[in-house]
């Protein structure tokens, strides 16, 4: 049943990003015992407004599985979420959606997802969600959003 649970989790998308929570690297642990499934995700941001929606989506998807009587979702803050948790498939999906993703740190140069140019300017550190910043590409003049890691923001403006 553990494989079935992971399969279901791969279908649950983040409500603010076009990516499955597994590809985003949110799911830290999954336990299955006697019809009870317990999922412990790591939030990308403390206080992320999407946490309740993610919990409801996960619980709804898991309760639809035959044999699941109870589905619990408890967020863990034992370790911070980092970009390293994101899968290559997740990075590719975000890029295909026009969302730039730094490889390691927010302070590394941003690349325009439309033309690949590094001739970009930060428009606002505060994008449409708490996990995104907005940029403008000087080369192709397209605006774009960039995923920002929560633990690197303080050093991003230096």
Protein backbone atom coordinates (compact mmCIF):
# COMPACT_ATOMS: atom_id res chain seq x y z
CA UNK A 1 0.00 0.00 0.00
CA UNK A 2 2.95 2.35 0.54
CA UNK A 3 3.62 2.46 -3.21
CA UNK A 4 -0.04 3.28 -3.86
CA UNK A 5 0.11 6.13 -1.35
CA UNK A 6 3.22 7.59 -3.00
CA UNK A 7 1.49 7.23 -6.37
CA UNK A 8 -1.49 9.22 -5.11
CA UNK A 9 0.78 11.89 -3.61
CA UNK A 10 2.39 12.32 -7.05
CA UNK A 11 -1.00 13.51 -8.33
CA UNK A 12 -1.51 16.18 -5.66
CA UNK A 13 -0.41 19.57 -6.98
CA UNK A 14 0.65 22.59 -5.00
CA UNK A 15 -2.18 25.17 -5.28
CA UNK A 16 0.24 28.04 -6.00
CA UNK A 17 2.66 26.27 -8.34
CA UNK A 18 2.09 23.94 -11.32
CA UNK A 19 3.95 21.05 -9.69
CA UNK A 20 3.16 17.94 -7.65
CA UNK A 21 4.02 18.18 -3.98
CA UNK A 22 6.34 15.19 -4.40
CA UNK A 23 8.29 16.92 -7.19
CA UNK A 24 8.47 20.06 -5.09
CA UNK A 25 10.04 17.93 -2.37
CA UNK A 26 7.45 18.65 0.28
CA UNK A 27 6.82 15.06 1.39
CA UNK A 28 9.35 14.09 4.05
CA UNK A 29 7.85 10.86 5.38
CA UNK A 30 4.89 8.57 4.74
CA UNK A 31 3.74 5.87 7.15
CA UNK A 32 1.00 3.31 6.56
CA UNK A 33 -0.41 1.04 9.29
CA UNK A 34 -3.80 -0.62 9.78
CA UNK A 35 -5.68 1.64 7.37
CA UNK A 36 -4.09 4.79 8.73
CA UNK A 37 -1.85 6.89 6.50
CA UNK A 38 0.35 9.59 8.00
CA UNK A 39 2.10 12.11 5.75
CA UNK A 40 4.67 14.59 7.10
CA UNK A 41 5.38 17.38 4.61
CA UNK A 42 8.01 20.11 4.95
CA UNK A 43 6.52 23.51 4.05
CA UNK A 44 8.46 25.73 1.67
CA UNK A 45 7.58 28.74 3.82
CA UNK A 46 6.48 29.06 7.42
CA UNK A 47 2.99 30.49 7.30
CA UNK A 48 2.46 29.62 3.64
CA UNK A 49 -1.23 30.30 2.91
CA UNK A 50 -1.43 27.10 0.83
CA UNK A 51 -0.73 24.71 3.72
CA UNK A 52 -4.39 24.12 4.60
CA UNK A 53 -5.27 23.57 0.94
CA UNK A 54 -2.42 21.08 0.53
CA UNK A 55 -3.54 19.24 3.67
CA UNK A 56 -7.12 19.02 2.39
CA UNK A 57 -6.01 17.84 -1.07
CA UNK A 58 -3.73 15.16 0.38
CA UNK A 59 -6.37 13.92 2.81
CA UNK A 60 -9.05 13.84 0.10
CA UNK A 61 -6.83 11.95 -2.33
CA UNK A 62 -5.72 9.43 0.29
CA UNK A 63 -9.24 8.80 1.62
CA UNK A 64 -10.27 7.77 -1.90
CA UNK A 65 -7.80 4.87 -1.74
CA UNK A 66 -9.41 1.52 -0.86
CA UNK A 67 -8.38 0.42 2.61
CA UNK A 68 -7.57 3.90 3.93
CA UNK A 69 -9.71 4.69 6.96
CA UNK A 70 -7.79 7.71 8.20
CA UNK A 71 -5.42 10.17 6.54
CA UNK A 72 -3.36 12.50 8.70
CA UNK A 73 -1.16 15.34 7.45
CA UNK A 74 1.16 16.95 9.98
CA UNK A 75 3.69 19.53 8.83
CA UNK A 76 7.19 19.15 10.17
CA UNK A 77 9.57 22.01 10.86
CA UNK A 78 12.47 19.81 12.01
CA UNK A 79 14.49 20.75 8.95
CA UNK A 80 13.95 23.63 6.51
CA UNK A 81 12.80 23.01 2.99
CA UNK A 82 15.55 23.79 0.45
CA UNK A 83 15.79 23.81 -3.34
CA UNK A 84 17.75 20.55 -3.12
CA UNK A 85 14.51 18.75 -2.25
CA UNK A 86 12.99 19.59 -5.65
CA UNK A 87 13.20 16.84 -8.28
CA UNK A 88 14.61 17.43 -11.77
CA UNK A 89 11.12 16.73 -13.15
CA UNK A 90 9.72 19.41 -10.84
CA UNK A 91 12.32 21.95 -11.97
CA UNK A 92 11.50 21.14 -15.60
CA UNK A 93 7.76 21.59 -15.02
CA UNK A 94 8.30 24.97 -13.39
CA UNK A 95 10.60 26.08 -16.21
CA UNK A 96 8.05 24.93 -18.80
CA UNK A 97 5.51 27.12 -17.02
CA UNK A 98 7.85 30.13 -17.33
CA UNK A 99 8.99 30.10 -13.72
CA UNK A 100 12.74 30.37 -13.18
CA UNK A 101 14.27 28.18 -10.48
CA UNK A 102 17.71 28.83 -8.99
CA UNK A 103 19.98 25.80 -8.82
CA UNK A 104 21.21 26.41 -5.28
CA UNK A 105 20.86 29.96 -3.99
CA UNK A 106 18.59 32.90 -4.75
CA UNK A 107 21.71 35.06 -5.04
CA UNK A 108 22.91 33.19 -8.15
CA UNK A 109 22.15 35.05 -11.42
CA UNK A 110 18.60 34.66 -12.68
CA UNK A 111 18.01 33.40 -16.20
CA UNK A 112 14.98 34.37 -18.25
CA UNK A 113 12.89 31.24 -18.87
CA UNK A 114 11.81 32.61 -22.28
CA UNK A 115 15.15 33.45 -23.89
CA UNK A 116 17.78 32.23 -21.40
CA UNK A 117 19.39 35.65 -20.98
CA UNK A 118 20.99 36.62 -17.68
CA UNK A 119 20.41 40.30 -18.49
CA UNK A 120 17.49 40.55 -16.08
CA UNK A 121 16.48 42.89 -13.32
CA UNK A 122 14.64 42.15 -10.08
CA UNK A 123 11.32 43.97 -10.28
CA UNK A 124 10.02 42.99 -6.84
CA UNK A 125 11.11 40.56 -4.16
CA UNK A 126 7.40 40.19 -3.38
CA UNK A 127 5.67 38.29 -6.18
CA UNK A 128 2.12 36.97 -6.44
CA UNK A 129 2.88 34.44 -3.70
CA UNK A 130 5.34 34.44 -0.83
CA UNK A 131 7.55 31.93 -2.63
CA UNK A 132 8.05 33.93 -5.86
CA UNK A 133 9.77 37.16 -6.91
CA UNK A 134 9.15 39.08 -10.14
CA UNK A 135 11.80 39.95 -12.73
CA UNK A 136 11.98 41.62 -16.13
CA UNK A 137 14.28 40.40 -18.90
CA UNK A 138 16.12 43.25 -20.59
CA UNK A 139 16.88 41.11 -23.64
CA UNK A 140 13.38 39.96 -24.62
CA UNK A 141 11.46 42.40 -22.35
CA UNK A 142 9.34 39.63 -20.88
CA UNK A 143 8.36 39.72 -17.22
CA UNK A 144 8.78 36.46 -15.33
CA UNK A 145 8.61 35.00 -11.87
CA UNK A 146 11.37 33.21 -10.05
CA UNK A 147 10.96 30.71 -7.27
CA UNK A 148 12.79 31.91 -4.18
CA UNK A 149 14.20 29.70 -1.46
CA UNK A 150 13.13 30.77 2.04
CA UNK A 151 16.51 30.46 3.76
CA UNK A 152 18.45 32.69 1.36
CA UNK A 153 16.29 35.81 1.11
CA UNK A 154 18.27 37.98 3.52
CA UNK A 155 21.41 37.68 1.42
CA UNK A 156 19.63 38.12 -1.93
CA UNK A 157 19.81 41.92 -1.97
CA UNK A 158 23.51 42.19 -1.12
